[in-house]
Amino acid sequence: MNSLALAIITFIFRWHFSARQFTFLLLTLSVAVGLAIIITDIQWYAGLSGVLHGLFGWGAIKDIEGKHKGGWLLLFGLAGKISWEQIFGGSVSSAALIGARVATEAHLAGGIAGITIALLPLLYRKWKQSNPVKN
């Protein structure tokens, strides 16, 4: 399931990154989700779902930045899904399919990391514009 989701998300947002940027994004999201998992009570996690949520959040922000139709819808959809999981828990059918509890903490961490990674360059550019170099 995760491999198929990775292929679909990569296809949807393919125009936003090069191979090098995509590799950097995957590695950065993996580290962010891994560090977040360490501070939770999860004893075992083997999946890509946190990174997938991060890629989706990153792509939604890039769509919004590029004024592509549906970017805001994607972002609100992701926020709604993650919020639902935090309140009501993960999908029972997904848990049955994978034979384990859905790691909603990884989804939250990945979503936050992906959105943050996408917003950092925008915030930096705004900061540079408001703080020009003085000679």
N, C-alpha and C. Protein backbone atom coordinates (compact mmCIF):
# COMPACT_ATOMS: atom_id res chain seq x y z
N MET A 1 0.82 -1.20 0.00
CA MET A 1 0.00 0.00 0.00
C MET A 1 0.86 1.26 0.00
N ASN A 2 1.89 1.26 0.86
CA ASN A 2 2.74 2.45 0.95
C ASN A 2 3.49 2.71 -0.36
N SER A 3 3.93 1.65 -1.01
CA SER A 3 4.66 1.82 -2.27
C SER A 3 3.76 2.41 -3.35
N LEU A 4 2.52 1.93 -3.40
CA LEU A 4 1.58 2.47 -4.37
C LEU A 4 1.26 3.93 -4.05
N ALA A 5 1.06 4.23 -2.78
CA ALA A 5 0.78 5.61 -2.37
C ALA A 5 1.97 6.52 -2.71
N LEU A 6 3.19 6.03 -2.52
CA LEU A 6 4.38 6.81 -2.86
C LEU A 6 4.41 7.11 -4.36
N ALA A 7 4.09 6.11 -5.17
CA ALA A 7 4.08 6.31 -6.62
C ALA A 7 3.02 7.34 -7.02
N ILE A 8 1.85 7.26 -6.41
CA ILE A 8 0.76 8.18 -6.75
C ILE A 8 1.09 9.61 -6.32
N ILE A 9 1.57 9.77 -5.09
CA ILE A 9 1.89 11.10 -4.58
C ILE A 9 3.04 11.71 -5.40
N THR A 10 4.02 10.89 -5.72
CA THR A 10 5.15 11.37 -6.53
C THR A 10 4.66 11.82 -7.90
N PHE A 11 3.76 11.05 -8.49
CA PHE A 11 3.21 11.42 -9.80
C PHE A 11 2.43 12.72 -9.73
N ILE A 12 1.61 12.87 -8.71
CA ILE A 12 0.77 14.07 -8.58
C ILE A 12 1.61 15.34 -8.47
N PHE A 13 2.70 15.27 -7.68
CA PHE A 13 3.49 16.47 -7.41
C PHE A 13 4.82 16.48 -8.16
N ARG A 14 4.97 15.71 -9.20
CA ARG A 14 6.24 15.52 -9.90
C ARG A 14 6.84 16.81 -10.46
N TRP A 15 6.03 17.77 -10.83
CA TRP A 15 6.57 19.00 -11.44
C TRP A 15 7.16 19.95 -10.40
N HIS A 16 7.02 19.62 -9.11
CA HIS A 16 7.53 20.50 -8.07
C HIS A 16 8.97 20.22 -7.67
N PHE A 17 9.54 19.11 -8.14
CA PHE A 17 10.90 18.78 -7.67
C PHE A 17 11.71 18.04 -8.72
N SER A 18 13.02 18.12 -8.54
CA SER A 18 13.95 17.33 -9.34
C SER A 18 14.24 16.05 -8.56
N ALA A 19 14.99 15.15 -9.15
CA ALA A 19 15.34 13.90 -8.47
C ALA A 19 16.16 14.19 -7.20
N ARG A 20 17.06 15.16 -7.29
CA ARG A 20 17.88 15.51 -6.13
C ARG A 20 17.02 16.11 -5.01
N GLN A 21 16.12 17.00 -5.36
CA GLN A 21 15.23 17.61 -4.37
C GLN A 21 14.31 16.56 -3.74
N PHE A 22 13.82 15.64 -4.55
CA PHE A 22 12.94 14.58 -4.06
C PHE A 22 13.69 13.68 -3.08
N THR A 23 14.91 13.33 -3.41
CA THR A 23 15.73 12.50 -2.51
C THR A 23 15.97 13.22 -1.19
N PHE A 24 16.34 14.50 -1.26
CA PHE A 24 16.55 15.29 -0.05
C PHE A 24 15.27 15.37 0.78
N LEU A 25 14.15 15.58 0.12
CA LEU A 25 12.86 15.67 0.81
C LEU A 25 12.53 14.35 1.51
N LEU A 26 12.70 13.23 0.81
CA LEU A 26 12.43 11.92 1.42
C LEU A 26 13.32 11.67 2.64
N LEU A 27 14.59 11.99 2.51
CA LEU A 27 15.51 11.78 3.64
C LEU A 27 15.18 12.68 4.81
N THR A 28 14.90 13.93 4.54
CA THR A 28 14.56 14.89 5.60
C THR A 28 13.27 14.49 6.31
N LEU A 29 12.27 14.11 5.54
CA LEU A 29 11.01 13.67 6.15
C LEU A 29 11.20 12.39 6.96
N SER A 30 12.03 11.47 6.47
CA SER A 30 12.30 10.23 7.20
C SER A 30 12.94 10.50 8.55
N VAL A 31 13.91 11.40 8.55
CA VAL A 31 14.57 11.76 9.81
C VAL A 31 13.59 12.45 10.76
N ALA A 32 12.80 13.37 10.23
CA ALA A 32 11.84 14.10 11.07
C ALA A 32 10.82 13.14 11.69
N VAL A 33 10.27 12.25 10.88
CA VAL A 33 9.28 11.29 11.39
C VAL A 33 9.95 10.34 12.38
N GLY A 34 11.15 9.89 12.07
CA GLY A 34 11.88 8.99 12.98
C GLY A 34 12.14 9.63 14.33
N LEU A 35 12.56 10.87 14.32
CA LEU A 35 12.80 11.57 15.59
C LEU A 35 11.50 11.76 16.37
N ALA A 36 10.42 12.07 15.65
CA ALA A 36 9.13 12.24 16.32
C ALA A 36 8.65 10.92 16.93
N ILE A 37 8.88 9.84 16.24
CA ILE A 37 8.45 8.52 16.75
C ILE A 37 9.20 8.18 18.03
N ILE A 38 10.46 8.57 18.11
CA ILE A 38 11.26 8.27 19.30
C ILE A 38 10.65 8.89 20.55
N ILE A 39 10.05 10.07 20.43
CA ILE A 39 9.52 10.74 21.62
C ILE A 39 8.09 10.31 21.96
N THR A 40 7.52 9.40 21.17
CA THR A 40 6.18 8.89 21.48
C THR A 40 6.30 7.56 22.21
N ASP A 41 5.16 6.98 22.53
CA ASP A 41 5.17 5.68 23.19
C ASP A 41 5.09 4.51 22.21
N ILE A 42 5.24 4.78 20.92
CA ILE A 42 5.22 3.71 19.93
C ILE A 42 6.45 2.83 20.14
N GLN A 43 6.20 1.54 20.24
CA GLN A 43 7.29 0.59 20.46
C GLN A 43 7.87 0.05 19.15
N TRP A 44 7.04 0.04 18.11
CA TRP A 44 7.48 -0.55 16.85
C TRP A 44 6.78 0.17 15.71
N TYR A 45 7.53 0.59 14.72
CA TYR A 45 6.96 1.26 13.56
C TYR A 45 7.76 0.85 12.34
N ALA A 46 7.08 0.29 11.38
CA ALA A 46 7.72 -0.09 10.12
C ALA A 46 6.79 0.32 8.99
N GLY A 47 7.02 1.47 8.48
CA GLY A 47 6.14 1.95 7.42
C GLY A 47 6.65 3.22 6.82
N LEU A 48 5.88 3.72 5.92
CA LEU A 48 6.24 4.93 5.20
C LEU A 48 5.14 5.97 5.31
N SER A 49 4.10 5.67 6.08
CA SER A 49 2.92 6.53 6.11
C SER A 49 3.22 7.94 6.61
N GLY A 50 4.10 8.09 7.57
CA GLY A 50 4.45 9.42 8.05
C GLY A 50 5.11 10.25 6.95
N VAL A 51 6.02 9.62 6.24
CA VAL A 51 6.70 10.30 5.13
C VAL A 51 5.70 10.64 4.02
N LEU A 52 4.78 9.73 3.76
CA LEU A 52 3.76 9.99 2.74
C LEU A 52 2.90 11.19 3.10
N HIS A 53 2.51 11.30 4.36
CA HIS A 53 1.75 12.47 4.80
C HIS A 53 2.58 13.74 4.66
N GLY A 54 3.87 13.64 4.93
CA GLY A 54 4.77 14.78 4.75
C GLY A 54 4.88 15.20 3.29
N LEU A 55 5.03 14.23 2.41
CA LEU A 55 5.09 14.54 0.98
C LEU A 55 3.81 15.20 0.50
N PHE A 56 2.69 14.70 1.00
CA PHE A 56 1.40 15.25 0.60
C PHE A 56 1.26 16.69 1.10
N GLY A 57 1.64 16.95 2.34
CA GLY A 57 1.58 18.30 2.88
C GLY A 57 2.51 19.24 2.13
N TRP A 58 3.72 18.77 1.84
CA TRP A 58 4.69 19.57 1.09
C TRP A 58 4.13 19.90 -0.30
N GLY A 59 3.56 18.90 -0.96
CA GLY A 59 3.01 19.11 -2.29
C GLY A 59 1.82 20.06 -2.29
N ALA A 60 0.98 19.96 -1.26
CA ALA A 60 -0.16 20.87 -1.17
C ALA A 60 0.31 22.32 -1.04
N ILE A 61 1.32 22.55 -0.22
CA ILE A 61 1.86 23.91 -0.07
C ILE A 61 2.47 24.39 -1.38
N LYS A 62 3.18 23.52 -2.08
CA LYS A 62 3.76 23.90 -3.37
C LYS A 62 2.67 24.21 -4.39
N ASP A 63 1.56 23.46 -4.35
CA ASP A 63 0.44 23.76 -5.24
C ASP A 63 -0.15 25.14 -4.91
N ILE A 64 -0.29 25.43 -3.63
CA ILE A 64 -0.82 26.74 -3.22
C ILE A 64 0.13 27.84 -3.67
N GLU A 65 1.42 27.63 -3.43
CA GLU A 65 2.42 28.62 -3.83
C GLU A 65 2.39 28.86 -5.34
N GLY A 66 2.21 27.80 -6.12
CA GLY A 66 2.17 27.91 -7.58
C GLY A 66 0.79 28.26 -8.12
N LYS A 67 -0.15 28.52 -7.21
CA LYS A 67 -1.52 28.88 -7.58
C LYS A 67 -2.20 27.82 -8.45
N HIS A 68 -1.88 26.54 -8.16
CA HIS A 68 -2.53 25.43 -8.85
C HIS A 68 -3.89 25.17 -8.21
N LYS A 69 -4.83 24.84 -9.01
CA LYS A 69 -6.18 24.57 -8.50
C LYS A 69 -6.12 23.37 -7.56
N GLY A 70 -6.83 23.48 -6.48
CA GLY A 70 -6.96 22.36 -5.56
C GLY A 70 -5.93 22.31 -4.45
N GLY A 71 -4.95 23.18 -4.44
CA GLY A 71 -3.92 23.15 -3.40
C GLY A 71 -4.51 23.33 -2.01
N TRP A 72 -5.39 24.32 -1.89
CA TRP A 72 -6.02 24.55 -0.58
C TRP A 72 -6.89 23.37 -0.17
N LEU A 73 -7.60 22.80 -1.14
CA LEU A 73 -8.44 21.63 -0.86
C LEU A 73 -7.59 20.46 -0.35
N LEU A 74 -6.45 20.23 -0.99
CA LEU A 74 -5.55 19.17 -0.55
C LEU A 74 -5.04 19.42 0.87
N LEU A 75 -4.68 20.67 1.15
CA LEU A 75 -4.17 21.01 2.48
C LEU A 75 -5.24 20.84 3.54
N PHE A 76 -6.44 21.33 3.28
CA PHE A 76 -7.53 21.18 4.25
C PHE A 76 -7.93 19.71 4.41
N GLY A 77 -7.88 18.96 3.32
CA GLY A 77 -8.17 17.53 3.41
C GLY A 77 -7.16 16.81 4.29
N LEU A 78 -5.89 17.13 4.12
CA LEU A 78 -4.84 16.52 4.95
C LEU A 78 -5.02 16.93 6.40
N ALA A 79 -5.27 18.20 6.65
CA ALA A 79 -5.47 18.68 8.02
C ALA A 79 -6.68 18.00 8.66
N GLY A 80 -7.74 17.84 7.89
CA GLY A 80 -8.93 17.17 8.40
C GLY A 80 -8.67 15.71 8.73
N LYS A 81 -7.96 15.02 7.85
CA LYS A 81 -7.65 13.60 8.09
C LYS A 81 -6.80 13.43 9.33
N ILE A 82 -5.76 14.23 9.44
CA ILE A 82 -4.86 14.12 10.59
C ILE A 82 -5.60 14.50 11.88
N SER A 83 -6.42 15.53 11.82
CA SER A 83 -7.19 15.93 13.00
C SER A 83 -8.14 14.82 13.43
N TRP A 84 -8.83 14.25 12.47
CA TRP A 84 -9.76 13.14 12.75
C TRP A 84 -9.01 12.01 13.45
N GLU A 85 -7.84 11.65 12.91
CA GLU A 85 -7.05 10.56 13.50
C GLU A 85 -6.61 10.89 14.92
N GLN A 86 -6.27 12.13 15.18
CA GLN A 86 -5.82 12.52 16.51
C GLN A 86 -6.97 12.45 17.52
N ILE A 87 -8.19 12.71 17.07
CA ILE A 87 -9.35 12.70 17.96
C ILE A 87 -9.94 11.30 18.09
N PHE A 88 -10.13 10.62 16.96
CA PHE A 88 -10.86 9.35 16.96
C PHE A 88 -9.99 8.12 16.73
N GLY A 89 -8.70 8.32 16.44
CA GLY A 89 -7.82 7.18 16.19
C GLY A 89 -7.78 6.82 14.72
N GLY A 90 -6.91 5.89 14.42
CA GLY A 90 -6.73 5.47 13.03
C GLY A 90 -7.87 4.60 12.54
N SER A 91 -7.89 4.39 11.26
CA SER A 91 -8.91 3.59 10.60
C SER A 91 -8.85 2.14 11.06
N VAL A 92 -9.98 1.60 11.47
CA VAL A 92 -10.06 0.21 11.90
C VAL A 92 -9.78 -0.72 10.73
N SER A 93 -10.29 -0.38 9.54
CA SER A 93 -10.06 -1.23 8.37
C SER A 93 -8.58 -1.24 7.97
N SER A 94 -7.91 -0.10 8.08
CA SER A 94 -6.48 -0.05 7.78
C SER A 94 -5.69 -0.87 8.79
N ALA A 95 -6.06 -0.77 10.06
CA ALA A 95 -5.40 -1.55 11.09
C ALA A 95 -5.57 -3.04 10.84
N ALA A 96 -6.75 -3.46 10.43
CA ALA A 96 -6.99 -4.87 10.13
C ALA A 96 -6.17 -5.30 8.92
N LEU A 97 -6.07 -4.43 7.93
CA LEU A 97 -5.33 -4.76 6.71
C LEU A 97 -3.84 -4.93 6.98
N ILE A 98 -3.27 -4.06 7.80
CA ILE A 98 -1.83 -4.13 8.07
C ILE A 98 -1.50 -5.01 9.28
N GLY A 99 -2.51 -5.37 10.04
CA GLY A 99 -2.29 -6.23 11.20
C GLY A 99 -1.59 -5.51 12.35
N ALA A 100 -1.76 -4.22 12.44
CA ALA A 100 -1.14 -3.43 13.51
C ALA A 100 -1.94 -2.14 13.67
N ARG A 101 -1.66 -1.45 14.77
CA ARG A 101 -2.29 -0.16 15.01
C ARG A 101 -1.76 0.86 14.00
N VAL A 102 -2.63 1.72 13.51
CA VAL A 102 -2.23 2.79 12.61
C VAL A 102 -1.44 3.81 13.41
N ALA A 103 -0.26 4.16 12.94
CA ALA A 103 0.63 5.08 13.65
C ALA A 103 0.23 6.53 13.35
N THR A 104 -0.84 6.97 14.00
CA THR A 104 -1.34 8.32 13.76
C THR A 104 -0.32 9.38 14.17
N GLU A 105 0.54 9.05 15.11
CA GLU A 105 1.61 9.99 15.52
C GLU A 105 2.56 10.25 14.36
N ALA A 106 2.84 9.21 13.58
CA ALA A 106 3.72 9.37 12.41
C ALA A 106 3.05 10.24 11.35
N HIS A 107 1.75 10.08 11.19
CA HIS A 107 1.01 10.90 10.22
C HIS A 107 1.07 12.38 10.61
N LEU A 108 0.86 12.64 11.90
CA LEU A 108 0.92 14.02 12.40
C LEU A 108 2.32 14.60 12.21
N ALA A 109 3.32 13.85 12.62
CA ALA A 109 4.71 14.33 12.50
C ALA A 109 5.08 14.56 11.04
N GLY A 110 4.71 13.64 10.17
CA GLY A 110 5.02 13.79 8.75
C GLY A 110 4.33 14.98 8.14
N GLY A 111 3.05 15.16 8.45
CA GLY A 111 2.30 16.31 7.92
C GLY A 111 2.91 17.62 8.35
N ILE A 112 3.22 17.73 9.63
CA ILE A 112 3.83 18.96 10.14
C ILE A 112 5.19 19.20 9.50
N ALA A 113 5.99 18.13 9.40
CA ALA A 113 7.34 18.27 8.81
C ALA A 113 7.25 18.68 7.34
N GLY A 114 6.38 18.06 6.58
CA GLY A 114 6.26 18.39 5.16
C GLY A 114 5.82 19.82 4.93
N ILE A 115 4.84 20.26 5.69
CA ILE A 115 4.36 21.64 5.57
C ILE A 115 5.46 22.62 5.99
N THR A 116 6.15 22.30 7.06
CA THR A 116 7.23 23.17 7.54
C THR A 116 8.35 23.27 6.52
N ILE A 117 8.75 22.14 5.95
CA ILE A 117 9.82 22.13 4.94
C ILE A 117 9.42 22.97 3.73
N ALA A 118 8.15 22.91 3.35
CA ALA A 118 7.68 23.69 2.20
C ALA A 118 7.61 25.18 2.52
N LEU A 119 7.29 25.52 3.78
CA LEU A 119 7.14 26.93 4.15
C LEU A 119 8.46 27.63 4.45
N LEU A 120 9.48 26.89 4.85
CA LEU A 120 10.76 27.52 5.22
C LEU A 120 11.33 28.43 4.13
N PRO A 121 11.43 27.99 2.88
CA PRO A 121 11.95 28.91 1.85
C PRO A 121 11.08 30.15 1.66
N LEU A 122 9.77 29.99 1.77
CA LEU A 122 8.87 31.15 1.63
C LEU A 122 9.10 32.14 2.76
N LEU A 123 9.20 31.64 3.97
CA LEU A 123 9.43 32.51 5.13
C LEU A 123 10.79 33.19 5.04
N TYR A 124 11.79 32.45 4.55
CA TYR A 124 13.13 33.03 4.40
C TYR A 124 13.11 34.16 3.38
N ARG A 125 12.43 33.96 2.25
CA ARG A 125 12.35 35.01 1.23
C ARG A 125 11.64 36.24 1.77
N LYS A 126 10.57 36.04 2.51
CA LYS A 126 9.87 37.19 3.11
C LYS A 126 10.76 37.91 4.11
N TRP A 127 11.51 37.15 4.90
CA TRP A 127 12.41 37.75 5.88
C TRP A 127 13.50 38.55 5.16
N LYS A 128 14.05 38.00 4.07
CA LYS A 128 15.09 38.70 3.31
C LYS A 128 14.55 39.99 2.73
N GLN A 129 13.32 40.00 2.25
CA GLN A 129 12.73 41.20 1.68
C GLN A 129 12.51 42.28 2.73
N SER A 130 12.16 41.86 3.93
CA SER A 130 11.89 42.86 4.98
C SER A 130 13.15 43.28 5.71
N ASN A 131 14.26 42.57 5.51
CA ASN A 131 15.54 42.90 6.15
C ASN A 131 16.65 42.99 5.09
N PRO A 132 16.61 44.01 4.25
CA PRO A 132 17.64 44.11 3.21
C PRO A 132 19.02 44.35 3.82
N VAL A 133 20.03 43.91 3.08
CA VAL A 133 21.41 44.09 3.52
C VAL A 133 21.76 45.57 3.45
N LYS A 134 22.30 46.10 4.54
CA LYS A 134 22.66 47.52 4.58
C LYS A 134 24.17 47.65 4.43
N ASN A 135 24.58 48.58 3.58
CA ASN A 135 26.01 48.80 3.34
C ASN A 135 26.56 49.88 4.24
